[in-house]
């Protein structure tokens, strides 16, 4: 399905907003449309049941999990690239995180934050500064919610630090090596040590922070941009002639895209089938990238990066995946009643 994640980036404001409830009722009042959604819901339910039964028995998934666990040390680098590149690009392009938000005079701030994140220098401090900039932007323009993935990504980077490779790591290794010139003058060793001692215990929450941020973004885009603003979403269907791709009612396109994004977002927030949901999110973003020529790719780089990081880390603590895994382990360990 080729659908832009951010409808606001590729359409003009509608001249008259369609009533969301009326749109929903009108779409589902058509028997063919209703049958499509009922059938789609049954297929999803069947897929979930099948996954729960079959996935634990497939050896390939265990190998995939072990392999991805080996990539965990690269996640800070992935996040710095995912946030640093679009932040740097936004500064040079003249917008403020989201292409729909313009705050004059902020170019040097965004360029500095983006560049330092890419280099990995003073990473935690810069991530906190980026978070503050995003919050200030939200106070000025609610359209910052279109870039909802940024604040929690900044929080995750602040928790993880620069990681490997980064300028912070290079400087730390030089500073910790006896006999080096820098070790004698290192101005931040004490501060960095205190920061690690106080922040590192919370790094285990990063998978939760990332999947909630990514999931909330998808829920927002599906609910607010599609279901609650169907007139503008219908512009997308007409602009890209999507009914020629899949010959269904335009309302089915809008309602279907909105429900898919909301469902995907809720699964990520709950930490249910987390890696599969992150992979599906990546696929949705990829179809947007190659299917829509005028969609602003740079604005989606952060979502690509977060999807990759969540796919690598999995659900983490406070996830339904963790709870289901514990239940399965307990069932396997339970003694079998004697005949």
Protein backbone atom coordinates (compact mmCIF):
# COMPACT_ATOMS: atom_id res chain seq x y z
CA UNK A 1 0.00 0.00 0.00
CA UNK A 2 1.61 3.27 -1.11
CA UNK A 3 0.41 5.88 1.35
CA UNK A 4 2.17 8.98 2.71
CA UNK A 5 2.70 8.80 6.46
CA UNK A 6 2.30 12.57 6.76
CA UNK A 7 -0.73 13.67 4.74
CA UNK A 8 -0.02 17.31 5.63
CA UNK A 9 3.30 17.14 3.76
CA UNK A 10 1.77 16.33 0.37
CA UNK A 11 -1.65 18.04 0.34
CA UNK A 12 -3.13 21.51 0.67
CA UNK A 13 -5.60 22.42 3.43
CA UNK A 14 -9.13 21.36 2.41
CA UNK A 15 -11.68 24.02 1.61
CA UNK A 16 -14.29 22.22 3.69
CA UNK A 17 -13.57 19.60 6.35
CA UNK A 18 -15.62 16.43 6.13
CA UNK A 19 -17.30 15.30 9.31
CA UNK A 20 -15.34 12.31 10.55
CA UNK A 21 -18.31 10.38 11.92
CA UNK A 22 -20.37 10.99 8.80
CA UNK A 23 -17.47 9.86 6.66
CA UNK A 24 -17.09 6.67 8.70
CA UNK A 25 -20.78 5.84 8.53
CA UNK A 26 -21.00 6.63 4.83
CA UNK A 27 -18.03 4.42 4.03
CA UNK A 28 -19.20 1.46 6.07
CA UNK A 29 -22.83 1.76 4.94
CA UNK A 30 -21.78 0.31 1.60
CA UNK A 31 -22.09 -3.50 1.93
CA UNK A 32 -18.97 -4.15 -0.17
CA UNK A 33 -16.90 -1.81 1.96
CA UNK A 34 -18.20 -3.30 5.20
CA UNK A 35 -17.45 -6.81 3.93
CA UNK A 36 -13.87 -5.79 3.10
CA UNK A 37 -13.25 -4.54 6.63
CA UNK A 38 -14.92 -7.51 8.29
CA UNK A 39 -12.92 -9.88 6.13
CA UNK A 40 -9.73 -7.95 6.79
CA UNK A 41 -10.36 -8.07 10.53
CA UNK A 42 -10.86 -11.84 10.42
CA UNK A 43 -7.63 -12.27 8.45
CA UNK A 44 -5.73 -10.22 11.04
CA UNK A 45 -7.25 -12.22 13.89
CA UNK A 46 -6.36 -15.49 12.17
CA UNK A 47 -2.83 -14.23 11.59
CA UNK A 48 -2.40 -13.32 15.26
CA UNK A 49 -3.63 -16.72 16.45
CA UNK A 50 -1.40 -18.51 13.96
CA UNK A 51 1.62 -16.42 14.96
CA UNK A 52 1.11 -17.18 18.64
CA UNK A 53 0.94 -20.90 17.93
CA UNK A 54 3.60 -21.27 15.25
CA UNK A 55 6.27 -18.61 15.93
CA UNK A 56 7.67 -20.21 19.13
CA UNK A 57 8.33 -23.44 17.21
CA UNK A 58 10.20 -21.84 14.29
CA UNK A 59 13.96 -22.03 14.81
CA UNK A 60 14.60 -19.18 12.38
CA UNK A 61 13.10 -16.61 14.76
CA UNK A 62 15.39 -17.70 17.59
CA UNK A 63 18.43 -17.35 15.33
CA UNK A 64 17.18 -13.91 14.25
CA UNK A 65 16.73 -12.85 17.88
CA UNK A 66 20.23 -13.95 18.86
CA UNK A 67 21.74 -12.18 15.84
CA UNK A 68 19.88 -8.94 16.56
CA UNK A 69 20.97 -9.06 20.20
CA UNK A 70 24.53 -8.86 18.89
CA UNK A 71 23.69 -5.53 17.23
CA UNK A 72 22.57 -3.83 20.45
CA UNK A 73 25.82 -1.92 20.93
CA UNK A 74 25.23 -0.22 17.58
CA UNK A 75 21.81 1.18 18.56
CA UNK A 76 23.17 4.50 19.92
CA UNK A 77 24.91 5.07 16.58
CA UNK A 78 21.74 4.15 14.69
CA UNK A 79 19.73 6.65 16.74
CA UNK A 80 22.30 9.42 16.35
CA UNK A 81 22.19 8.97 12.58
CA UNK A 82 18.39 8.70 12.54
CA UNK A 83 17.93 11.96 14.45
CA UNK A 84 21.10 13.83 13.55
CA UNK A 85 20.67 13.64 9.78
CA UNK A 86 17.07 14.99 9.58
CA UNK A 87 17.78 17.62 12.26
CA UNK A 88 20.81 18.85 10.32
CA UNK A 89 18.81 18.71 7.09
CA UNK A 90 15.88 20.59 8.65
CA UNK A 91 18.23 23.38 9.71
CA UNK A 92 19.69 23.81 6.23
CA UNK A 93 16.25 23.42 4.58
CA UNK A 94 14.79 26.17 6.77
CA UNK A 95 12.15 24.29 8.73
CA UNK A 96 11.93 23.28 12.39
CA UNK A 97 11.96 19.48 12.75
CA UNK A 98 8.68 19.17 10.77
CA UNK A 99 8.40 20.62 7.25
CA UNK A 100 5.13 22.24 8.37
CA UNK A 101 6.80 24.29 11.12
CA UNK A 102 8.92 27.36 10.39
CA UNK A 103 10.65 29.26 13.21
CA UNK A 104 12.92 32.01 11.86
CA UNK A 105 16.41 32.26 13.30
CA UNK A 106 16.63 28.65 14.48
CA UNK A 107 18.87 27.33 11.70
CA UNK A 108 22.13 27.55 13.72
CA UNK A 109 20.54 25.66 16.63
CA UNK A 110 19.28 22.77 14.52
CA UNK A 111 22.49 22.57 12.51
CA UNK A 112 24.55 22.46 15.70
CA UNK A 113 22.37 19.78 17.32
CA UNK A 114 22.32 17.67 14.17
CA UNK A 115 26.05 17.93 13.55
CA UNK A 116 27.06 17.14 17.14
CA UNK A 117 24.73 14.14 17.22
CA UNK A 118 26.27 12.79 14.01
CA UNK A 119 29.76 13.24 15.43
CA UNK A 120 28.72 11.90 18.82
CA UNK A 121 30.28 14.74 20.80
CA UNK A 122 28.74 15.70 24.16
CA UNK A 123 25.95 13.41 23.06
CA UNK A 124 23.81 13.33 26.19
CA UNK A 125 23.93 17.11 26.64
CA UNK A 126 23.12 17.71 22.98
CA UNK A 127 20.21 15.24 23.09
CA UNK A 128 18.73 17.08 26.07
CA UNK A 129 19.18 20.36 24.20
CA UNK A 130 17.37 18.86 21.20
CA UNK A 131 14.51 17.76 23.46
CA UNK A 132 14.21 21.29 24.88
CA UNK A 133 14.16 22.75 21.36
CA UNK A 134 11.37 20.38 20.35
CA UNK A 135 9.28 21.24 23.41
CA UNK A 136 9.74 24.97 22.73
CA UNK A 137 8.60 24.39 19.16
CA UNK A 138 5.50 22.53 20.38
CA UNK A 139 4.62 25.48 22.61
CA UNK A 140 4.77 27.74 19.56
CA UNK A 141 3.11 25.48 16.97
CA UNK A 142 1.03 22.32 17.64
CA UNK A 143 2.06 21.07 14.18
CA UNK A 144 5.23 19.86 15.93
CA UNK A 145 3.18 16.76 16.75
CA UNK A 146 3.83 15.71 13.15
CA UNK A 147 7.39 15.09 14.36
CA UNK A 148 6.29 13.24 17.49
CA UNK A 149 9.07 10.68 17.19
CA UNK A 150 11.79 13.24 18.00
CA UNK A 151 11.28 13.84 21.74
CA UNK A 152 11.39 10.20 22.78
CA UNK A 153 14.31 9.59 20.41
CA UNK A 154 16.17 12.40 22.16
CA UNK A 155 15.33 10.81 25.52
CA UNK A 156 16.67 7.45 24.31
CA UNK A 157 19.91 9.03 23.09
CA UNK A 158 20.31 10.85 26.42
CA UNK A 159 19.95 7.53 28.22
CA UNK A 160 22.38 5.64 25.98
CA UNK A 161 25.02 8.26 25.30
CA UNK A 162 27.19 8.32 22.19
CA UNK A 163 27.93 4.61 22.03
CA UNK A 164 30.21 3.09 19.40
CA UNK A 165 31.54 4.72 17.26
CA UNK A 166 31.46 8.29 18.60
CA UNK A 167 33.74 11.18 19.48
CA UNK A 168 32.70 10.71 23.10
CA UNK A 169 34.02 7.15 23.09
CA UNK A 170 37.31 8.18 21.48
CA UNK A 171 37.90 10.94 24.00
CA UNK A 172 36.94 8.67 26.90
CA UNK A 173 39.45 6.01 25.83
CA UNK A 174 42.23 8.54 25.47
CA UNK A 175 41.35 10.08 28.83
CA UNK A 176 41.34 6.69 30.57
CA UNK A 177 44.73 5.66 29.20
CA UNK A 178 47.56 6.51 31.61
CA UNK A 179 50.36 8.65 30.21
CA UNK A 180 48.31 10.42 27.51
CA UNK A 181 48.38 14.22 27.39
CA UNK A 182 44.60 14.46 27.30
CA UNK A 183 44.28 12.32 30.44
CA UNK A 184 46.05 15.10 32.35
CA UNK A 185 43.71 17.88 31.24
CA UNK A 186 40.41 16.08 30.61
CA UNK A 187 37.89 18.73 31.78
CA UNK A 188 34.78 16.55 31.92
CA UNK A 189 35.93 13.21 33.33
CA UNK A 190 34.27 13.72 36.69
CA UNK A 191 31.06 15.04 35.20
CA UNK A 192 30.91 12.20 32.66
CA UNK A 193 31.45 9.62 35.41
CA UNK A 194 28.63 11.05 37.51
CA UNK A 195 26.34 11.14 34.48
CA UNK A 196 27.05 7.49 33.67
CA UNK A 197 26.47 6.39 37.26
CA UNK A 198 23.13 8.18 37.48
CA UNK A 199 21.78 7.57 33.96
CA UNK A 200 23.07 4.13 32.94
CA UNK A 201 20.70 2.21 35.29
CA UNK A 202 17.77 3.58 33.28
CA UNK A 203 19.19 2.56 29.89
CA UNK A 204 17.20 -0.70 30.12
CA UNK A 205 14.07 1.40 29.46
CA UNK A 206 15.28 2.52 26.03
CA UNK A 207 13.37 -0.21 24.10
CA UNK A 208 10.19 0.90 25.87
CA UNK A 209 10.85 4.57 25.17
CA UNK A 210 11.53 3.96 21.47
CA UNK A 211 8.58 1.70 20.73
CA UNK A 212 6.19 4.02 22.59
CA UNK A 213 7.51 6.99 20.61
CA UNK A 214 7.25 5.19 17.28
CA UNK A 215 3.86 3.73 18.14
CA UNK A 216 2.43 7.06 19.31
CA UNK A 217 3.56 8.63 16.04
CA UNK A 218 1.72 6.03 13.97
CA UNK A 219 -1.42 6.34 16.12
CA UNK A 220 -1.37 10.12 15.77
CA UNK A 221 -0.91 10.00 11.99
CA UNK A 222 -3.61 7.37 11.51
CA UNK A 223 -6.15 9.01 13.80
CA UNK A 224 -5.60 12.73 13.39
CA UNK A 225 -4.43 12.92 9.76
CA UNK A 226 -6.68 10.24 8.28
CA UNK A 227 -9.75 9.36 10.33
CA UNK A 228 -10.35 12.79 11.87
CA UNK A 229 -9.49 14.71 8.69
CA UNK A 230 -10.88 12.52 5.90
CA UNK A 231 -11.34 15.41 3.46
CA UNK A 232 -7.61 15.99 3.32
CA UNK A 233 -6.85 12.28 3.21
CA UNK A 234 -9.23 11.93 0.26
CA UNK A 235 -7.07 14.52 -1.53
CA UNK A 236 -4.22 12.02 -1.34
CA UNK A 237 -6.33 9.29 -2.94
CA UNK A 238 -7.23 11.62 -5.81
CA UNK A 239 -3.77 13.15 -6.19
CA UNK A 240 -1.99 9.80 -6.58
CA UNK A 241 -4.90 7.98 -8.25
CA UNK A 242 -4.72 5.27 -5.60
CA UNK A 243 -7.99 3.70 -6.73
CA UNK A 244 -6.17 2.69 -9.90
CA UNK A 245 -3.62 0.81 -7.77
CA UNK A 246 -6.27 -0.99 -5.71
CA UNK A 247 -9.76 -0.54 -7.20
CA UNK A 248 -11.79 0.15 -4.09
CA UNK A 249 -13.88 3.06 -2.85
CA UNK A 250 -11.73 6.11 -1.91
CA UNK A 251 -13.21 5.96 1.57
CA UNK A 252 -11.87 2.42 1.96
CA UNK A 253 -8.38 3.69 1.16
CA UNK A 254 -8.59 6.41 3.81
CA UNK A 255 -10.24 4.29 6.48
CA UNK A 256 -7.99 1.31 5.75
CA UNK A 257 -4.78 3.37 5.91
CA UNK A 258 -5.89 5.01 9.13
CA UNK A 259 -6.81 1.73 10.82
CA UNK A 260 -3.58 0.04 9.73
CA UNK A 261 -1.48 2.86 11.17
CA UNK A 262 -3.48 2.96 14.40
CA UNK A 263 -3.32 -0.82 14.80
CA UNK A 264 0.39 -0.85 14.09
CA UNK A 265 0.96 2.00 16.53
CA UNK A 266 -1.05 0.36 19.32
CA UNK A 267 0.87 -2.90 18.87
CA UNK A 268 4.15 -0.99 19.24
CA UNK A 269 2.96 0.95 22.28
CA UNK A 270 1.83 -2.28 23.94
CA UNK A 271 4.99 -4.12 22.91
CA UNK A 272 3.03 -6.86 21.15
CA UNK A 273 4.78 -8.62 18.26
CA UNK A 274 7.25 -5.76 18.53
CA UNK A 275 9.85 -6.85 16.00
CA UNK A 276 7.20 -7.86 13.47
CA UNK A 277 5.42 -4.52 13.98
CA UNK A 278 8.69 -2.60 13.55
CA UNK A 279 9.43 -4.53 10.36
CA UNK A 280 5.94 -3.72 9.03
CA UNK A 281 6.49 -0.05 9.91
CA UNK A 282 9.72 -0.11 7.90
CA UNK A 283 7.89 -1.65 4.93
CA UNK A 284 5.17 1.03 5.09
CA UNK A 285 7.83 3.75 5.11
CA UNK A 286 9.67 2.12 2.22
CA UNK A 287 6.57 1.98 0.02
CA UNK A 288 6.05 5.68 0.72
CA UNK A 289 9.65 6.43 -0.22
CA UNK A 290 9.51 4.66 -3.60
CA UNK A 291 5.84 5.14 -4.41
CA UNK A 292 5.32 8.87 -3.85
CA UNK A 293 7.78 11.10 -5.73
CA UNK A 294 7.03 14.35 -3.88
CA UNK A 295 6.92 13.01 -0.33
CA UNK A 296 9.68 14.66 1.79
CA UNK A 297 12.01 11.72 2.37
CA UNK A 298 14.24 13.61 4.82
CA UNK A 299 11.33 14.09 7.20
CA UNK A 300 10.90 10.30 7.42
CA UNK A 301 14.54 9.41 8.09
CA UNK A 302 13.91 9.56 11.84
CA UNK A 303 11.05 7.06 11.51
CA UNK A 304 13.25 4.72 9.47
CA UNK A 305 15.89 4.88 12.19
CA UNK A 306 13.45 4.32 15.05
CA UNK A 307 11.89 1.36 13.24
CA UNK A 308 15.34 -0.17 12.78
CA UNK A 309 16.26 0.40 16.43
CA UNK A 310 13.00 -1.11 17.70
CA UNK A 311 13.47 -4.09 15.38
CA UNK A 312 16.94 -4.58 16.85
CA UNK A 313 15.98 -4.20 20.51
CA UNK A 314 12.57 -5.84 20.58
CA UNK A 315 9.87 -5.01 23.12
CA UNK A 316 12.10 -4.74 26.19
CA UNK A 317 10.66 -4.44 29.69
CA UNK A 318 7.04 -3.44 30.25
CA UNK A 319 5.96 -5.15 27.03
CA UNK A 320 3.36 -7.79 26.27
CA UNK A 321 6.04 -9.70 24.38
CA UNK A 322 8.07 -10.01 27.59
CA UNK A 323 4.98 -11.15 29.51
CA UNK A 324 4.04 -13.72 26.86
CA UNK A 325 7.62 -15.00 26.79
CA UNK A 326 7.61 -15.43 30.57
CA UNK A 327 4.30 -17.29 30.40
CA UNK A 328 5.63 -19.67 27.74
CA UNK A 329 8.80 -20.28 29.77
CA UNK A 330 6.72 -21.01 32.88
CA UNK A 331 4.52 -23.44 30.95
CA UNK A 332 7.57 -25.30 29.65
CA UNK A 333 9.08 -25.50 33.13
CA UNK A 334 5.87 -26.71 34.80
CA UNK A 335 5.94 -30.42 35.75
CA UNK A 336 3.79 -32.72 33.68
CA UNK A 337 1.12 -34.55 35.75
CA UNK A 338 1.81 -38.24 36.04
CA UNK A 339 -0.56 -40.52 34.20
